[in-house]
PDB file of N, CA and C in Angstrom:
ATOM      1  N   MET A   1       0.844  -1.166   0.000  1.00  0.00           N
ATOM      2  CA  MET A   1       0.000   0.000   0.000  1.00  0.00           C
ATOM      3  C   MET A   1       0.887   1.227   0.000  1.00  0.00           C
ATOM      4  N   ALA A   2       0.642   2.145  -0.877  1.00  0.00           N
ATOM      5  CA  ALA A   2       1.448   3.357  -0.971  1.00  0.00           C
ATOM      6  C   ALA A   2       0.651   4.539  -0.447  1.00  0.00           C
ATOM      7  N   ILE A   3       1.252   5.256   0.467  1.00  0.00           N
ATOM      8  CA  ILE A   3       0.632   6.478   0.959  1.00  0.00           C
ATOM      9  C   ILE A   3       1.220   7.606   0.134  1.00  0.00           C
ATOM     10  N   THR A   4       0.381   8.291  -0.614  1.00  0.00           N
ATOM     11  CA  THR A   4       0.907   9.269  -1.558  1.00  0.00           C
ATOM     12  C   THR A   4       0.829  10.695  -1.046  1.00  0.00           C
ATOM     13  N   SER A   5       0.190  10.895   0.082  1.00  0.00           N
ATOM     14  CA  SER A   5       0.216  12.247   0.635  1.00  0.00           C
ATOM     15  C   SER A   5       0.357  12.173   2.144  1.00  0.00           C
ATOM     16  N   ILE A   6       1.002  13.156   2.687  1.00  0.00           N
ATOM     17  CA  ILE A   6       1.276  13.173   4.117  1.00  0.00           C
ATOM     18  C   ILE A   6      -0.020  13.286   4.914  1.00  0.00           C
ATOM     19  N   GLY A   7      -0.997  13.976   4.371  1.00  0.00           N
ATOM     20  CA  GLY A   7      -2.235  14.220   5.100  1.00  0.00           C
ATOM     21  C   GLY A   7      -3.287  13.144   4.956  1.00  0.00           C
ATOM     22  N   GLN A   8      -2.959  11.993   4.402  1.00  0.00           N
ATOM     23  CA  GLN A   8      -3.966  10.952   4.196  1.00  0.00           C
ATOM     24  C   GLN A   8      -4.508  10.479   5.536  1.00  0.00           C
ATOM     25  N   SER A   9      -5.794  10.291   5.590  1.00  0.00           N
ATOM     26  CA  SER A   9      -6.457   9.923   6.828  1.00  0.00           C
ATOM     27  C   SER A   9      -6.353   8.428   7.094  1.00  0.00           C
ATOM     28  N   GLY A  10      -5.645   8.068   8.148  1.00  0.00           N
ATOM     29  CA  GLY A  10      -5.543   6.667   8.541  1.00  0.00           C
ATOM     30  C   GLY A  10      -6.838   6.153   9.121  1.00  0.00           C
ATOM     31  N   SER A  11      -7.566   7.008   9.845  1.00  0.00           N
ATOM     32  CA  SER A  11      -8.814   6.566  10.457  1.00  0.00           C
ATOM     33  C   SER A  11      -9.864   6.246   9.406  1.00  0.00           C
ATOM     34  N   ALA A  12      -9.872   6.961   8.303  1.00  0.00           N
ATOM     35  CA  ALA A  12     -10.827   6.667   7.226  1.00  0.00           C
ATOM     36  C   ALA A  12     -10.531   5.302   6.622  1.00  0.00           C
ATOM     37  N   GLN A  13      -9.231   4.964   6.490  1.00  0.00           N
ATOM     38  CA  GLN A  13      -8.861   3.657   5.942  1.00  0.00           C
ATOM     39  C   GLN A  13      -9.274   2.538   6.889  1.00  0.00           C
ATOM     40  N   VAL A  14      -9.025   2.708   8.178  1.00  0.00           N
ATOM     41  CA  VAL A  14      -9.388   1.697   9.169  1.00  0.00           C
ATOM     42  C   VAL A  14     -10.897   1.512   9.179  1.00  0.00           C
ATOM     43  N   SER A  15     -11.625   2.606   9.136  1.00  0.00           N
ATOM     44  CA  SER A  15     -13.081   2.549   9.114  1.00  0.00           C
ATOM     45  C   SER A  15     -13.572   1.804   7.883  1.00  0.00           C
ATOM     46  N   GLN A  16     -12.954   2.051   6.755  1.00  0.00           N
ATOM     47  CA  GLN A  16     -13.353   1.401   5.508  1.00  0.00           C
ATOM     48  C   GLN A  16     -13.103  -0.106   5.583  1.00  0.00           C
ATOM     49  N   ILE A  17     -11.949  -0.501   6.102  1.00  0.00           N
ATOM     50  CA  ILE A  17     -11.625  -1.927   6.225  1.00  0.00           C
ATOM     51  C   ILE A  17     -12.598  -2.599   7.179  1.00  0.00           C
ATOM     52  N   SER A  18     -12.890  -1.945   8.297  1.00  0.00           N
ATOM     53  CA  SER A  18     -13.816  -2.485   9.274  1.00  0.00           C
ATOM     54  C   SER A  18     -15.202  -2.676   8.669  1.00  0.00           C
ATOM     55  N   SER A  19     -15.680  -1.684   7.922  1.00  0.00           N
ATOM     56  CA  SER A  19     -17.013  -1.799   7.333  1.00  0.00           C
ATOM     57  C   SER A  19     -17.041  -2.861   6.240  1.00  0.00           C
ATOM     58  N   GLN A  20     -15.916  -3.060   5.539  1.00  0.00           N
ATOM     59  CA  GLN A  20     -15.861  -4.124   4.528  1.00  0.00           C
ATOM     60  C   GLN A  20     -15.984  -5.491   5.192  1.00  0.00           C
ATOM     61  N   ASP A  21     -15.280  -5.686   6.306  1.00  0.00           N
ATOM     62  CA  ASP A  21     -15.357  -6.949   7.033  1.00  0.00           C
ATOM     63  C   ASP A  21     -16.769  -7.183   7.556  1.00  0.00           C
ATOM     64  N   GLU A  22     -17.367  -6.130   8.096  1.00  0.00           N
ATOM     65  CA  GLU A  22     -18.712  -6.239   8.633  1.00  0.00           C
ATOM     66  C   GLU A  22     -19.718  -6.529   7.520  1.00  0.00           C
ATOM     67  N   THR A  23     -19.552  -5.869   6.390  1.00  0.00           N
ATOM     68  CA  THR A  23     -20.439  -6.098   5.247  1.00  0.00           C
ATOM     69  C   THR A  23     -20.318  -7.538   4.769  1.00  0.00           C
ATOM     70  N   LYS A  24     -19.088  -8.028   4.684  1.00  0.00           N
ATOM     71  CA  LYS A  24     -18.864  -9.412   4.249  1.00  0.00           C
ATOM     72  C   LYS A  24     -19.539 -10.385   5.215  1.00  0.00           C
ATOM     73  N   SER A  25     -19.424 -10.126   6.503  1.00  0.00           N
ATOM     74  CA  SER A  25     -20.041 -10.976   7.511  1.00  0.00           C
ATOM     75  C   SER A  25     -21.565 -10.969   7.372  1.00  0.00           C
ATOM     76  N   LEU A  26     -22.135  -9.783   7.161  1.00  0.00           N
ATOM     77  CA  LEU A  26     -23.584  -9.678   6.990  1.00  0.00           C
ATOM     78  C   LEU A  26     -24.046 -10.394   5.723  1.00  0.00           C
ATOM     79  N   GLU A  27     -23.274 -10.288   4.659  1.00  0.00           N
ATOM     80  CA  GLU A  27     -23.619 -10.984   3.408  1.00  0.00           C
ATOM     81  C   GLU A  27     -23.627 -12.499   3.630  1.00  0.00           C
ATOM     82  N   GLN A  28     -22.671 -12.991   4.411  1.00  0.00           N
ATOM     83  CA  GLN A  28     -22.615 -14.427   4.698  1.00  0.00           C
ATOM     84  C   GLN A  28     -23.834 -14.864   5.507  1.00  0.00           C
ATOM     85  N   LYS A  29     -24.236 -14.042   6.488  1.00  0.00           N
ATOM     86  CA  LYS A  29     -25.429 -14.353   7.278  1.00  0.00           C
ATOM     87  C   LYS A  29     -26.665 -14.380   6.381  1.00  0.00           C
ATOM     88  N   LYS A  30     -26.736 -13.416   5.482  1.00  0.00           N
ATOM     89  CA  LYS A  30     -27.869 -13.339   4.552  1.00  0.00           C
ATOM     90  C   LYS A  30     -27.933 -14.596   3.682  1.00  0.00           C
ATOM     91  N   GLN A  31     -26.787 -15.027   3.169  1.00  0.00           N
ATOM     92  CA  GLN A  31     -26.749 -16.239   2.342  1.00  0.00           C
ATOM     93  C   GLN A  31     -27.173 -17.470   3.141  1.00  0.00           C
ATOM     94  N   ALA A  32     -26.746 -17.535   4.398  1.00  0.00           N
ATOM     95  CA  ALA A  32     -27.120 -18.665   5.248  1.00  0.00           C
ATOM     96  C   ALA A  32     -28.635 -18.684   5.470  1.00  0.00           C
ATOM     97  N   LEU A  33     -29.220 -17.511   5.666  1.00  0.00           N
ATOM     98  CA  LEU A  33     -30.669 -17.430   5.858  1.00  0.00           C
ATOM     99  C   LEU A  33     -31.416 -17.818   4.579  1.00  0.00           C
ATOM    100  N   GLN A  34     -30.902 -17.407   3.441  1.00  0.00           N
ATOM    101  CA  GLN A  34     -31.536 -17.780   2.175  1.00  0.00           C
ATOM    102  C   GLN A  34     -31.452 -19.293   1.954  1.00  0.00           C
ATOM    103  N   LYS A  35     -30.342 -19.875   2.360  1.00  0.00           N
ATOM    104  CA  LYS A  35     -30.188 -21.325   2.261  1.00  0.00           C
ATOM    105  C   LYS A  35     -31.200 -22.015   3.178  1.00  0.00           C
ATOM    106  N   GLU A  36     -31.398 -21.429   4.354  1.00  0.00           N
ATOM    107  CA  GLU A  36     -32.362 -21.981   5.302  1.00  0.00           C
ATOM    108  C   GLU A  36     -33.779 -21.938   4.716  1.00  0.00           C
ATOM    109  N   ILE A  37     -34.109 -20.857   4.016  1.00  0.00           N
ATOM    110  CA  ILE A  37     -35.420 -20.759   3.358  1.00  0.00           C
ATOM    111  C   ILE A  37     -35.573 -21.879   2.331  1.00  0.00           C
ATOM    112  N   ASN A  38     -34.531 -22.114   1.557  1.00  0.00           N
ATOM    113  CA  ASN A  38     -34.576 -23.196   0.562  1.00  0.00           C
ATOM    114  C   ASN A  38     -34.801 -24.555   1.222  1.00  0.00           C
ATOM    115  N   GLU A  39     -34.129 -24.766   2.354  1.00  0.00           N
ATOM    116  CA  GLU A  39     -34.289 -26.034   3.070  1.00  0.00           C
ATOM    117  C   GLU A  39     -35.706 -26.179   3.607  1.00  0.00           C
ATOM    118  N   ILE A  40     -36.270 -25.091   4.104  1.00  0.00           N
ATOM    119  CA  ILE A  40     -37.647 -25.120   4.611  1.00  0.00           C
ATOM    120  C   ILE A  40     -38.607 -25.469   3.471  1.00  0.00           C
ATOM    121  N   ASN A  41     -38.395 -24.846   2.322  1.00  0.00           N
ATOM    122  CA  ASN A  41     -39.268 -25.107   1.172  1.00  0.00           C
ATOM    123  C   ASN A  41     -39.188 -26.559   0.707  1.00  0.00           C
ATOM    124  N   GLN A  42     -38.043 -27.188   0.880  1.00  0.00           N
ATOM    125  CA  GLN A  42     -37.867 -28.573   0.439  1.00  0.00           C
ATOM    126  C   GLN A  42     -38.321 -29.593   1.484  1.00  0.00           C
ATOM    127  N   ASP A  43     -38.550 -29.129   2.706  1.00  0.00           N
ATOM    128  CA  ASP A  43     -38.961 -30.019   3.786  1.00  0.00           C
ATOM    129  C   ASP A  43     -40.376 -30.533   3.518  1.00  0.00           C
ATOM    130  N   LYS A  44     -40.505 -31.840   3.421  1.00  0.00           N
ATOM    131  CA  LYS A  44     -41.803 -32.439   3.101  1.00  0.00           C
ATOM    132  C   LYS A  44     -42.646 -32.697   4.353  1.00  0.00           C
ATOM    133  N   LYS A  45     -42.021 -32.685   5.523  1.00  0.00           N
ATOM    134  CA  LYS A  45     -42.738 -32.988   6.758  1.00  0.00           C
ATOM    135  C   LYS A  45     -43.459 -31.768   7.332  1.00  0.00           C
ATOM    136  N   THR A  46     -42.975 -30.578   7.004  1.00  0.00           N
ATOM    137  CA  THR A  46     -43.546 -29.355   7.566  1.00  0.00           C
ATOM    138  C   THR A  46     -44.755 -28.919   6.748  1.00  0.00           C
ATOM    139  N   THR A  47     -45.801 -28.472   7.445  1.00  0.00           N
ATOM    140  CA  THR A  47     -47.009 -28.005   6.748  1.00  0.00           C
ATOM    141  C   THR A  47     -46.728 -26.667   6.075  1.00  0.00           C
ATOM    142  N   GLU A  48     -47.543 -26.335   5.085  1.00  0.00           N
ATOM    143  CA  GLU A  48     -47.375 -25.074   4.348  1.00  0.00           C
ATOM    144  C   GLU A  48     -47.486 -23.870   5.276  1.00  0.00           C
ATOM    145  N   THR A  49     -48.403 -23.933   6.229  1.00  0.00           N
ATOM    146  CA  THR A  49     -48.587 -22.816   7.163  1.00  0.00           C
ATOM    147  C   THR A  49     -47.328 -22.599   7.991  1.00  0.00           C
ATOM    148  N   ASP A  50     -46.774 -23.688   8.500  1.00  0.00           N
ATOM    149  CA  ASP A  50     -45.544 -23.585   9.292  1.00  0.00           C
ATOM    150  C   ASP A  50     -44.386 -23.073   8.438  1.00  0.00           C
ATOM    151  N   LYS A  51     -44.325 -23.560   7.201  1.00  0.00           N
ATOM    152  CA  LYS A  51     -43.274 -23.095   6.292  1.00  0.00           C
ATOM    153  C   LYS A  51     -43.369 -21.585   6.091  1.00  0.00           C
ATOM    154  N   GLN A  52     -44.590 -21.110   5.832  1.00  0.00           N
ATOM    155  CA  GLN A  52     -44.783 -19.681   5.576  1.00  0.00           C
ATOM    156  C   GLN A  52     -44.399 -18.839   6.798  1.00  0.00           C
ATOM    157  N   GLN A  53     -44.761 -19.326   7.985  1.00  0.00           N
ATOM    158  CA  GLN A  53     -44.412 -18.591   9.204  1.00  0.00           C
ATOM    159  C   GLN A  53     -42.896 -18.522   9.383  1.00  0.00           C
ATOM    160  N   LYS A  54     -42.237 -19.640   9.201  1.00  0.00           N
ATOM    161  CA  LYS A  54     -40.780 -19.667   9.341  1.00  0.00           C
ATOM    162  C   LYS A  54     -40.116 -18.765   8.302  1.00  0.00           C
ATOM    163  N   ILE A  55     -40.612 -18.837   7.079  1.00  0.00           N
ATOM    164  CA  ILE A  55     -40.034 -18.037   5.993  1.00  0.00           C
ATOM    165  C   ILE A  55     -40.233 -16.549   6.252  1.00  0.00           C
ATOM    166  N   GLN A  56     -41.397 -16.167   6.779  1.00  0.00           N
ATOM    167  CA  GLN A  56     -41.640 -14.750   7.081  1.00  0.00           C
ATOM    168  C   GLN A  56     -40.654 -14.232   8.122  1.00  0.00           C
ATOM    169  N   VAL A  57     -40.386 -15.029   9.135  1.00  0.00           N
ATOM    170  CA  VAL A  57     -39.428 -14.632  10.171  1.00  0.00           C
ATOM    171  C   VAL A  57     -38.037 -14.464   9.557  1.00  0.00           C
ATOM    172  N   ILE A  58     -37.649 -15.407   8.730  1.00  0.00           N
ATOM    173  CA  ILE A  58     -36.326 -15.350   8.103  1.00  0.00           C
ATOM    174  C   ILE A  58     -36.233 -14.170   7.144  1.00  0.00           C
ATOM    175  N   GLN A  59     -37.300 -13.913   6.392  1.00  0.00           N
ATOM    176  CA  GLN A  59     -37.289 -12.773   5.472  1.00  0.00           C
ATOM    177  C   GLN A  59     -37.163 -11.449   6.227  1.00  0.00           C
ATOM    178  N   ALA A  60     -37.762 -11.372   7.411  1.00  0.00           N
ATOM    179  CA  ALA A  60     -37.614 -10.170   8.240  1.00  0.00           C
ATOM    180  C   ALA A  60     -36.153 -10.014   8.674  1.00  0.00           C
ATOM    181  N   GLN A  61     -35.508 -11.126   9.015  1.00  0.00           N
ATOM    182  CA  GLN A  61     -34.097 -11.079   9.388  1.00  0.00           C
ATOM    183  C   GLN A  61     -33.241 -10.640   8.201  1.00  0.00           C
ATOM    184  N   ILE A  62     -33.561 -11.150   7.017  1.00  0.00           N
ATOM    185  CA  ILE A  62     -32.821 -10.765   5.809  1.00  0.00           C
ATOM    186  C   ILE A  62     -32.995  -9.274   5.548  1.00  0.00           C
ATOM    187  N   GLN A  63     -34.212  -8.773   5.725  1.00  0.00           N
ATOM    188  CA  GLN A  63     -34.477  -7.343   5.517  1.00  0.00           C
ATOM    189  C   GLN A  63     -33.645  -6.500   6.484  1.00  0.00           C
ATOM    190  N   THR A  64     -33.544  -6.948   7.732  1.00  0.00           N
ATOM    191  CA  THR A  64     -32.733  -6.237   8.725  1.00  0.00           C
ATOM    192  C   THR A  64     -31.264  -6.227   8.303  1.00  0.00           C
ATOM    193  N   ILE A  65     -30.780  -7.351   7.832  1.00  0.00           N
ATOM    194  CA  ILE A  65     -29.390  -7.443   7.380  1.00  0.00           C
ATOM    195  C   ILE A  65     -29.154  -6.519   6.194  1.00  0.00           C
ATOM    196  N   GLU A  66     -30.085  -6.496   5.248  1.00  0.00           N
ATOM    197  CA  GLU A  66     -29.939  -5.616   4.081  1.00  0.00           C
ATOM    198  C   GLU A  66     -29.895  -4.148   4.504  1.00  0.00           C
ATOM    199  N   THR A  67     -30.709  -3.791   5.495  1.00  0.00           N
ATOM    200  CA  THR A  67     -30.694  -2.421   6.016  1.00  0.00           C
ATOM    201  C   THR A  67     -29.342  -2.110   6.650  1.00  0.00           C
ATOM    202  N   GLN A  68     -28.803  -3.053   7.413  1.00  0.00           N
ATOM    203  CA  GLN A  68     -27.496  -2.850   8.039  1.00  0.00           C
ATOM    204  C   GLN A  68     -26.404  -2.684   6.986  1.00  0.00           C
ATOM    205  N   ILE A  69     -26.485  -3.460   5.921  1.00  0.00           N
ATOM    206  CA  ILE A  69     -25.500  -3.354   4.838  1.00  0.00           C
ATOM    207  C   ILE A  69     -25.582  -1.974   4.197  1.00  0.00           C
ATOM    208  N   GLN A  70     -26.801  -1.501   3.953  1.00  0.00           N
ATOM    209  CA  GLN A  70     -26.975  -0.172   3.359  1.00  0.00           C
ATOM    210  C   GLN A  70     -26.403   0.914   4.265  1.00  0.00           C
ATOM    211  N   GLN A  71     -26.620   0.775   5.582  1.00  0.00           N
ATOM    212  CA  GLN A  71     -26.082   1.756   6.526  1.00  0.00           C
ATOM    213  C   GLN A  71     -24.556   1.738   6.509  1.00  0.00           C
ATOM    214  N   LEU A  72     -23.970   0.564   6.445  1.00  0.00           N
ATOM    215  CA  LEU A  72     -22.508   0.461   6.386  1.00  0.00           C
ATOM    216  C   LEU A  72     -21.968   1.087   5.108  1.00  0.00           C
ATOM    217  N   GLN A  73     -22.658   0.865   4.005  1.00  0.00           N
ATOM    218  CA  GLN A  73     -22.218   1.453   2.740  1.00  0.00           C
ATOM    219  C   GLN A  73     -22.309   2.973   2.796  1.00  0.00           C
ATOM    220  N   ARG A  74     -23.348   3.478   3.449  1.00  0.00           N
ATOM    221  CA  ARG A  74     -23.491   4.927   3.605  1.00  0.00           C
ATOM    222  C   ARG A  74     -22.352   5.482   4.460  1.00  0.00           C
ATOM    223  N   LYS A  75     -22.034   4.784   5.562  1.00  0.00           N
ATOM    224  CA  LYS A  75     -20.929   5.214   6.423  1.00  0.00           C
ATOM    225  C   LYS A  75     -19.611   5.178   5.666  1.00  0.00           C
ATOM    226  N   LYS A  76     -19.439   4.137   4.852  1.00  0.00           N
ATOM    227  CA  LYS A  76     -18.213   3.996   4.067  1.00  0.00           C
ATOM    228  C   LYS A  76     -18.070   5.178   3.112  1.00  0.00           C
ATOM    229  N   THR A  77     -19.155   5.534   2.452  1.00  0.00           N
ATOM    230  CA  THR A  77     -19.132   6.666   1.523  1.00  0.00           C
ATOM    231  C   THR A  77     -18.804   7.957   2.262  1.00  0.00           C
ATOM    232  N   GLU A  78     -19.412   8.137   3.434  1.00  0.00           N
ATOM    233  CA  GLU A  78     -19.139   9.338   4.232  1.00  0.00           C
ATOM    234  C   GLU A  78     -17.686   9.361   4.695  1.00  0.00           C
ATOM    235  N   ALA A  79     -17.168   8.209   5.101  1.00  0.00           N
ATOM    236  CA  ALA A  79     -15.777   8.137   5.562  1.00  0.00           C
ATOM    237  C   ALA A  79     -14.815   8.434   4.423  1.00  0.00           C
ATOM    238  N   GLN A  80     -15.137   7.935   3.234  1.00  0.00           N
ATOM    239  CA  GLN A  80     -14.278   8.211   2.081  1.00  0.00           C
ATOM    240  C   GLN A  80     -14.282   9.699   1.763  1.00  0.00           C
ATOM    241  N   ALA A  81     -15.454  10.313   1.821  1.00  0.00           N
ATOM    242  CA  ALA A  81     -15.540  11.749   1.545  1.00  0.00           C
ATOM    243  C   ALA A  81     -14.760  12.529   2.595  1.00  0.00           C
ATOM    244  N   SER A  82     -14.925  12.141   3.851  1.00  0.00           N
ATOM    245  CA  SER A  82     -14.211  12.805   4.937  1.00  0.00           C
ATOM    246  C   SER A  82     -12.709  12.585   4.807  1.00  0.00           C
ATOM    247  N   GLY A  83     -12.315  11.362   4.465  1.00  0.00           N
ATOM    248  CA  GLY A  83     -10.895  11.040   4.315  1.00  0.00           C
ATOM    249  C   GLY A  83     -10.252  11.822   3.195  1.00  0.00           C
ATOM    250  N   SER A  84     -10.965  11.990   2.093  1.00  0.00           N
ATOM    251  CA  SER A  84     -10.381  12.735   0.977  1.00  0.00           C
ATOM    252  C   SER A  84     -10.284  14.216   1.314  1.00  0.00           C
ATOM    253  N   GLU A  85     -11.244  14.723   2.102  1.00  0.00           N
ATOM    254  CA  GLU A  85     -11.150  16.124   2.534  1.00  0.00           C
ATOM    255  C   GLU A  85      -9.944  16.310   3.446  1.00  0.00           C
ATOM    256  N   GLN A  86      -9.760  15.381   4.381  1.00  0.00           N
ATOM    257  CA  GLN A  86      -8.620  15.465   5.291  1.00  0.00           C
ATOM    258  C   GLN A  86      -7.320  15.320   4.522  1.00  0.00           C
ATOM    259  N   SER A  87      -7.313  14.431   3.561  1.00  0.00           N
ATOM    260  CA  SER A  87      -6.119  14.218   2.752  1.00  0.00           C
ATOM    261  C   SER A  87      -5.755  15.476   1.984  1.00  0.00           C
ATOM    262  N   SER A  88      -6.748  16.102   1.393  1.00  0.00           N
ATOM    263  CA  SER A  88      -6.500  17.323   0.623  1.00  0.00           C
ATOM    264  C   SER A  88      -5.981  18.435   1.520  1.00  0.00           C
ATOM    265  N   ALA A  89      -6.616  18.593   2.672  1.00  0.00           N
ATOM    266  CA  ALA A  89      -6.195  19.646   3.595  1.00  0.00           C
ATOM    267  C   ALA A  89      -4.785  19.374   4.107  1.00  0.00           C
ATOM    268  N   GLY A  90      -4.526  18.130   4.496  1.00  0.00           N
ATOM    269  CA  GLY A  90      -3.209  17.784   5.022  1.00  0.00           C
ATOM    270  C   GLY A  90      -2.118  17.909   3.986  1.00  0.00           C
ATOM    271  N   SER A  91      -2.390  17.465   2.777  1.00  0.00           N
ATOM    272  CA  SER A  91      -1.345  17.511   1.753  1.00  0.00           C
ATOM    273  C   SER A  91      -1.067  18.938   1.312  1.00  0.00           C
ATOM    274  N   SER A  92      -2.086  19.792   1.312  1.00  0.00           N
ATOM    275  CA  SER A  92      -1.823  21.176   0.913  1.00  0.00           C
ATOM    276  C   SER A  92      -1.007  21.900   1.979  1.00  0.00           C
ATOM    277  N   LYS A  93      -1.222  21.552   3.251  1.00  0.00           N
ATOM    278  CA  LYS A  93      -0.436  22.163   4.324  1.00  0.00           C
ATOM    279  C   LYS A  93       1.018  21.711   4.265  1.00  0.00           C
ATOM    280  N   GLN A  94       1.224  20.460   3.865  1.00  0.00           N
ATOM    281  CA  GLN A  94       2.566  19.903   3.844  1.00  0.00           C
ATOM    282  C   GLN A  94       3.280  20.110   2.514  1.00  0.00           C
ATOM    283  N   ALA A  95       2.614  20.691   1.548  1.00  0.00           N
ATOM    284  CA  ALA A  95       3.201  20.845   0.215  1.00  0.00           C
ATOM    285  C   ALA A  95       4.479  21.674   0.238  1.00  0.00           C
ATOM    286  N   LEU A  96       4.583  22.588   1.174  1.00  0.00           N
ATOM    287  CA  LEU A  96       5.778  23.413   1.263  1.00  0.00           C
ATOM    288  C   LEU A  96       6.982  22.608   1.740  1.00  0.00           C
ATOM    289  N   VAL A  97       6.739  21.613   2.561  1.00  0.00           N
ATOM    290  CA  VAL A  97       7.823  20.825   3.119  1.00  0.00           C
ATOM    291  C   VAL A  97       8.228  19.688   2.183  1.00  0.00           C
ATOM    292  N   ARG A  98       7.265  18.891   1.746  1.00  0.00           N
ATOM    293  CA  ARG A  98       7.526  17.734   0.897  1.00  0.00           C
ATOM    294  C   ARG A  98       6.423  17.579  -0.129  1.00  0.00           C
ATOM    295  N   GLN A  99       6.812  17.181  -1.294  1.00  0.00           N
ATOM    296  CA  GLN A  99       5.818  16.952  -2.337  1.00  0.00           C
ATOM    297  C   GLN A  99       5.110  15.613  -2.167  1.00  0.00           C
ATOM    298  N   ARG A 100       5.864  14.576  -1.790  1.00  0.00           N
ATOM    299  CA  ARG A 100       5.263  13.250  -1.767  1.00  0.00           C
ATOM    300  C   ARG A 100       6.087  12.304  -0.903  1.00  0.00           C
ATOM    301  N   VAL A 101       5.387  11.396  -0.203  1.00  0.00           N
ATOM    302  CA  VAL A 101       6.041  10.370   0.591  1.00  0.00           C
ATOM    303  C   VAL A 101       5.459   9.031   0.168  1.00  0.00           C
ATOM    304  N   ASP A 102       6.314   8.095  -0.226  1.00  0.00           N
ATOM    305  CA  ASP A 102       5.859   6.750  -0.578  1.00  0.00           C
ATOM    306  C   ASP A 102       6.323   5.787   0.494  1.00  0.00           C
ATOM    307  N   ILE A 103       5.378   5.072   1.070  1.00  0.00           N
ATOM    308  CA  ILE A 103       5.700   4.068   2.074  1.00  0.00           C
ATOM    309  C   ILE A 103       5.106   2.759   1.595  1.00  0.00           C
ATOM    310  N   GLU A 104       5.931   1.774   1.397  1.00  0.00           N
ATOM    311  CA  GLU A 104       5.440   0.462   0.981  1.00  0.00           C
ATOM    312  C   GLU A 104       5.281  -0.397   2.218  1.00  0.00           C
ATOM    313  N   ILE A 105       4.116  -0.991   2.345  1.00  0.00           N
ATOM    314  CA  ILE A 105       3.845  -1.852   3.500  1.00  0.00           C
ATOM    315  C   ILE A 105       3.692  -3.270   3.016  1.00  0.00           C
TER     316      ILE A 105
END
């Protein structure tokens, strides 16, 4: 990873990585719930009424997860905007001292 300006926001990067991990985790939960719905639909022993009740509960959980994912994406967008503002401000302040710093990690 190359840091191209002195004023780049480290907290925005950490926040972005954290939200990516959280989003990935939520997506996995969502997939597991969808798989559970498929299993319920294939279950021959459960009555249609019971299937529908179980599926409604799971669909509500999926809806909650989708909302959480949307909120994380919104936070990510806000963090990126904030990070780029901080980066611009920091790099313009440091432009007199150094043009660029490359750090390979």
